[in-house]
Amino acid sequence: MPEEISYSVRRVKRARRVKVRVDPHHGVEVLLPPRVPLRAAGAAVAELAPWIERERRRLAAVRARHAPAGTLPYLDERLALVGEPGRKRAHRHGELLLVPDDETAPRAIELWYRRAARQEIAARLDAASAAAGTPYVSLTIRNQRTRWASCASGGAMSFNWRLLLGPERVLDYVVWHEVCHLRHADHSPAFWRLLERHCPQWRPAAAWLRENGPALVL
């Protein structure tokens, strides 16, 4: 008998159909439109069970390939984890990431990535904004589950720190995507033309993120 798949359910106001997501960190999640009965979640998981197992294996392989055991990805680099007794904060030393040697390590690592993300993203955002002639007003680093970045109408920019777990070209693409939204709030043909002009290699980067984004977790 196949193993029963545990899952969570989330109602999504704008959803038009049942959707199943596989996330290495949060597990299997079923997104339900408001009026769809709860039993539809179980039916969808049962129907997609073979795909769910394949997706779990694929994402695990992506993580293992992207960050071998004992390391963490940092854009196109790999940092070796070194636990140090008494350490309170994570600190990078060359190709090493020095972390607390206790249960506080995961939180310390995330805080380090958040600090690094602000530096990496701010530099790229400043350069892209200046090149496009579209100033922004603020930068916030977040940890959203399904959104990688956003651009508010007033120019407030938000980015997910987990982008640092992916390739550098993917981060560059996401920054340019949001900078182009400073001029075109929608995904009109004018938006895509602007993105194409400033980031001509955006398509493979977008495809990589769409395919492998769920694997970008610690």
Protein backbone atom coordinates (compact mmCIF):
# COMPACT_ATOMS: atom_id res chain seq x y z
CA MET A 1 0.00 0.00 0.00
CA PRO A 2 1.48 3.40 -0.96
CA GLU A 3 2.34 5.76 1.88
CA GLU A 4 -0.36 8.32 2.67
CA ILE A 5 0.67 11.83 1.70
CA SER A 6 0.16 14.50 4.35
CA TYR A 7 -0.77 17.95 3.10
CA SER A 8 -2.02 21.36 4.18
CA VAL A 9 -4.85 23.38 2.63
CA ARG A 10 -4.95 27.09 1.94
CA ARG A 11 -7.91 29.03 0.57
CA VAL A 12 -6.96 31.50 -2.16
CA LYS A 13 -9.55 34.16 -3.02
CA ARG A 14 -8.41 34.68 -6.60
CA ALA A 15 -7.82 31.01 -7.43
CA ARG A 16 -9.96 29.56 -10.19
CA ARG A 17 -8.91 25.92 -9.86
CA VAL A 18 -7.41 23.50 -7.37
CA LYS A 19 -3.60 23.61 -7.36
CA VAL A 20 -1.09 21.35 -5.62
CA ARG A 21 2.36 22.58 -4.66
CA VAL A 22 5.35 20.61 -3.40
CA ASP A 23 7.78 22.52 -1.19
CA PRO A 24 10.80 20.85 0.47
CA HIS A 25 10.38 23.09 3.51
CA HIS A 26 6.60 23.33 3.90
CA GLY A 27 5.60 19.99 2.37
CA VAL A 28 2.60 19.45 0.12
CA GLU A 29 0.12 22.32 -0.03
CA VAL A 30 -3.24 22.40 -1.78
CA LEU A 31 -4.58 25.77 -2.90
CA LEU A 32 -8.37 25.85 -3.03
CA PRO A 33 -10.70 28.45 -4.58
CA PRO A 34 -13.18 29.86 -2.03
CA ARG A 35 -16.22 27.78 -2.98
CA VAL A 36 -14.56 24.47 -3.76
CA PRO A 37 -15.37 21.85 -1.07
CA LEU A 38 -12.56 20.73 1.23
CA ARG A 39 -12.80 17.13 0.02
CA ALA A 40 -11.44 18.30 -3.34
CA ALA A 41 -8.04 18.75 -1.70
CA GLY A 42 -7.80 15.09 -0.76
CA ALA A 43 -9.01 14.04 -4.19
CA ALA A 44 -6.38 16.19 -5.89
CA VAL A 45 -3.57 14.80 -3.72
CA ALA A 46 -4.70 11.22 -4.38
CA GLU A 47 -4.89 11.83 -8.14
CA LEU A 48 -1.49 13.55 -8.26
CA ALA A 49 0.29 11.17 -5.87
CA PRO A 50 2.74 9.82 -8.51
CA TRP A 51 3.60 13.36 -9.62
CA ILE A 52 4.02 14.49 -5.99
CA GLU A 53 6.54 11.72 -5.31
CA ARG A 54 8.45 12.50 -8.51
CA GLU A 55 8.51 16.20 -7.63
CA ARG A 56 9.79 15.45 -4.13
CA ARG A 57 12.64 13.40 -5.57
CA ARG A 58 13.41 16.01 -8.23
CA LEU A 59 13.57 18.89 -5.75
CA ALA A 60 15.70 16.84 -3.35
CA ALA A 61 18.10 16.15 -6.23
CA VAL A 62 18.20 19.86 -7.13
CA ARG A 63 19.08 20.75 -3.54
CA ALA A 64 21.76 18.05 -3.29
CA ARG A 65 23.29 19.13 -6.59
CA HIS A 66 23.11 22.82 -5.78
CA ALA A 67 24.48 22.47 -2.23
CA PRO A 68 26.29 19.22 -1.34
CA ALA A 69 26.13 18.06 2.29
CA GLY A 70 27.91 20.40 4.68
CA THR A 71 27.61 23.41 2.38
CA LEU A 72 25.18 26.17 1.55
CA PRO A 73 24.74 27.92 -1.81
CA TYR A 74 25.48 31.61 -2.14
CA LEU A 75 24.66 32.73 -5.68
CA ASP A 76 27.27 30.92 -7.82
CA GLU A 77 29.44 29.99 -4.82
CA ARG A 78 29.36 27.19 -2.23
CA LEU A 79 30.13 27.99 1.40
CA ALA A 80 31.33 25.25 3.75
CA LEU A 81 29.53 25.27 7.11
CA VAL A 82 31.77 25.34 10.18
CA GLY A 83 30.19 25.19 13.65
CA GLU A 84 31.98 27.06 16.41
CA PRO A 85 31.08 26.67 20.12
CA GLY A 86 30.10 29.94 21.72
CA ARG A 87 29.43 31.76 18.45
CA LYS A 88 26.22 33.81 18.39
CA ARG A 89 26.14 35.16 14.82
CA ALA A 90 26.97 33.63 11.46
CA HIS A 91 30.00 35.14 9.77
CA ARG A 92 31.60 34.52 6.41
CA HIS A 93 35.34 33.95 6.26
CA GLY A 94 36.42 33.35 2.68
CA GLU A 95 34.69 30.19 1.49
CA LEU A 96 33.64 29.28 5.04
CA LEU A 97 30.44 30.21 6.84
CA LEU A 98 31.14 30.19 10.57
CA VAL A 99 27.94 29.43 12.51
CA PRO A 100 26.87 28.68 16.11
CA ASP A 101 27.46 25.07 17.09
CA ASP A 102 24.03 24.61 18.65
CA GLU A 103 20.30 24.82 17.95
CA THR A 104 20.50 28.56 17.21
CA ALA A 105 22.42 27.93 13.98
CA PRO A 106 19.42 27.93 11.58
CA ARG A 107 18.20 31.32 12.79
CA ALA A 108 21.73 32.77 12.74
CA ILE A 109 22.21 31.52 9.17
CA GLU A 110 18.95 33.07 7.99
CA LEU A 111 19.82 36.40 9.58
CA TRP A 112 23.20 36.32 7.87
CA TYR A 113 21.55 35.67 4.50
CA ARG A 114 19.14 38.54 5.12
CA ARG A 115 22.02 40.93 5.78
CA ALA A 116 23.89 39.66 2.73
CA ALA A 117 20.75 39.93 0.58
CA ARG A 118 20.37 43.60 1.43
CA GLN A 119 23.91 44.30 0.26
CA GLU A 120 23.74 42.16 -2.88
CA ILE A 121 20.31 43.37 -3.95
CA ALA A 122 20.83 47.04 -3.08
CA ALA A 123 23.92 47.23 -5.28
CA ARG A 124 22.14 45.62 -8.22
CA LEU A 125 18.97 47.62 -7.67
CA ASP A 126 20.84 50.92 -7.55
CA ALA A 127 22.69 50.13 -10.78
CA ALA A 128 19.62 48.90 -12.65
CA SER A 129 17.45 51.77 -11.45
CA ALA A 130 20.06 54.30 -12.58
CA ALA A 131 20.50 52.59 -15.97
CA ALA A 132 16.75 52.56 -16.57
CA GLY A 133 16.20 56.07 -15.25
CA THR A 134 13.50 54.85 -12.87
CA PRO A 135 14.26 55.66 -9.21
CA TYR A 136 12.85 53.60 -6.35
CA VAL A 137 12.12 54.81 -2.82
CA SER A 138 12.87 51.91 -0.46
CA LEU A 139 14.11 48.32 -0.25
CA THR A 140 12.73 45.64 2.08
CA ILE A 141 14.10 42.11 2.48
CA ARG A 142 11.43 39.50 3.20
CA ASN A 143 10.94 35.74 3.52
CA GLN A 144 7.79 35.09 1.50
CA ARG A 145 6.75 31.57 0.64
CA THR A 146 5.66 32.06 -2.94
CA ARG A 147 6.69 35.56 -4.02
CA TRP A 148 10.24 36.43 -5.00
CA ALA A 149 9.89 40.18 -5.28
CA SER A 150 7.41 43.00 -5.66
CA CYS A 151 7.28 46.64 -6.72
CA ALA A 152 4.65 48.90 -5.16
CA SER A 153 3.15 51.76 -7.13
CA GLY A 154 5.05 54.32 -5.05
CA GLY A 155 8.42 52.74 -5.75
CA ALA A 156 8.80 50.56 -2.65
CA MET A 157 10.74 47.43 -3.59
CA SER A 158 10.64 44.09 -1.78
CA PHE A 159 12.84 41.04 -2.40
CA ASN A 160 13.04 37.55 -0.95
CA TRP A 161 16.39 36.77 0.69
CA ARG A 162 16.16 33.19 -0.57
CA LEU A 163 17.14 34.47 -4.03
CA LEU A 164 20.71 34.27 -2.74
CA LEU A 165 20.30 30.47 -2.68
CA GLY A 166 19.97 30.45 -6.48
CA PRO A 167 22.28 31.31 -9.38
CA GLU A 168 23.47 34.90 -9.76
CA ARG A 169 21.81 35.23 -13.16
CA VAL A 170 18.44 34.52 -11.52
CA LEU A 171 18.91 37.31 -8.97
CA ASP A 172 19.95 39.69 -11.75
CA TYR A 173 16.81 38.81 -13.71
CA VAL A 174 14.48 39.32 -10.73
CA VAL A 175 16.03 42.71 -9.98
CA TRP A 176 15.56 43.84 -13.58
CA HIS A 177 12.02 42.47 -13.64
CA GLU A 178 11.05 44.67 -10.70
CA VAL A 179 12.95 47.71 -12.00
CA CYS A 180 10.97 47.46 -15.24
CA HIS A 181 7.80 47.51 -13.14
CA LEU A 182 8.78 50.95 -11.93
CA ARG A 183 7.89 52.15 -15.43
CA HIS A 184 5.23 49.60 -16.40
CA ALA A 185 3.13 48.26 -13.52
CA ASP A 186 1.59 45.51 -15.63
CA HIS A 187 2.99 42.79 -17.89
CA SER A 188 2.11 44.62 -21.07
CA PRO A 189 4.11 44.24 -24.31
CA ALA A 190 5.91 47.48 -23.36
CA PHE A 191 7.05 45.88 -20.10
CA TRP A 192 8.46 42.81 -21.85
CA ARG A 193 10.22 44.97 -24.44
CA LEU A 194 11.87 46.99 -21.69
CA LEU A 195 12.94 43.83 -19.86
CA GLU A 196 14.28 42.35 -23.10
CA ARG A 197 16.33 45.48 -23.74
CA HIS A 198 17.96 45.54 -20.32
CA CYS A 199 18.07 41.82 -19.55
CA PRO A 200 18.09 39.86 -22.84
CA GLN A 201 18.82 36.55 -21.09
CA TRP A 202 15.78 36.75 -18.83
CA ARG A 203 13.90 33.78 -20.27
CA PRO A 204 16.22 30.96 -19.13
CA ALA A 205 16.61 32.64 -15.74
CA ALA A 206 12.84 32.89 -15.33
CA ALA A 207 12.43 29.27 -16.40
CA TRP A 208 15.06 28.15 -13.88
CA LEU A 209 13.33 29.98 -11.04
CA ARG A 210 9.92 28.69 -12.02
CA GLU A 211 11.20 25.10 -12.15
CA ASN A 212 13.58 25.09 -9.18
CA GLY A 213 12.37 27.89 -6.91
CA PRO A 214 10.73 25.53 -4.37
CA ALA A 215 14.16 23.95 -3.75
CA LEU A 216 15.66 27.27 -2.58
CA VAL A 217 15.36 26.62 1.14
CA LEU A 218 17.92 26.11 3.90
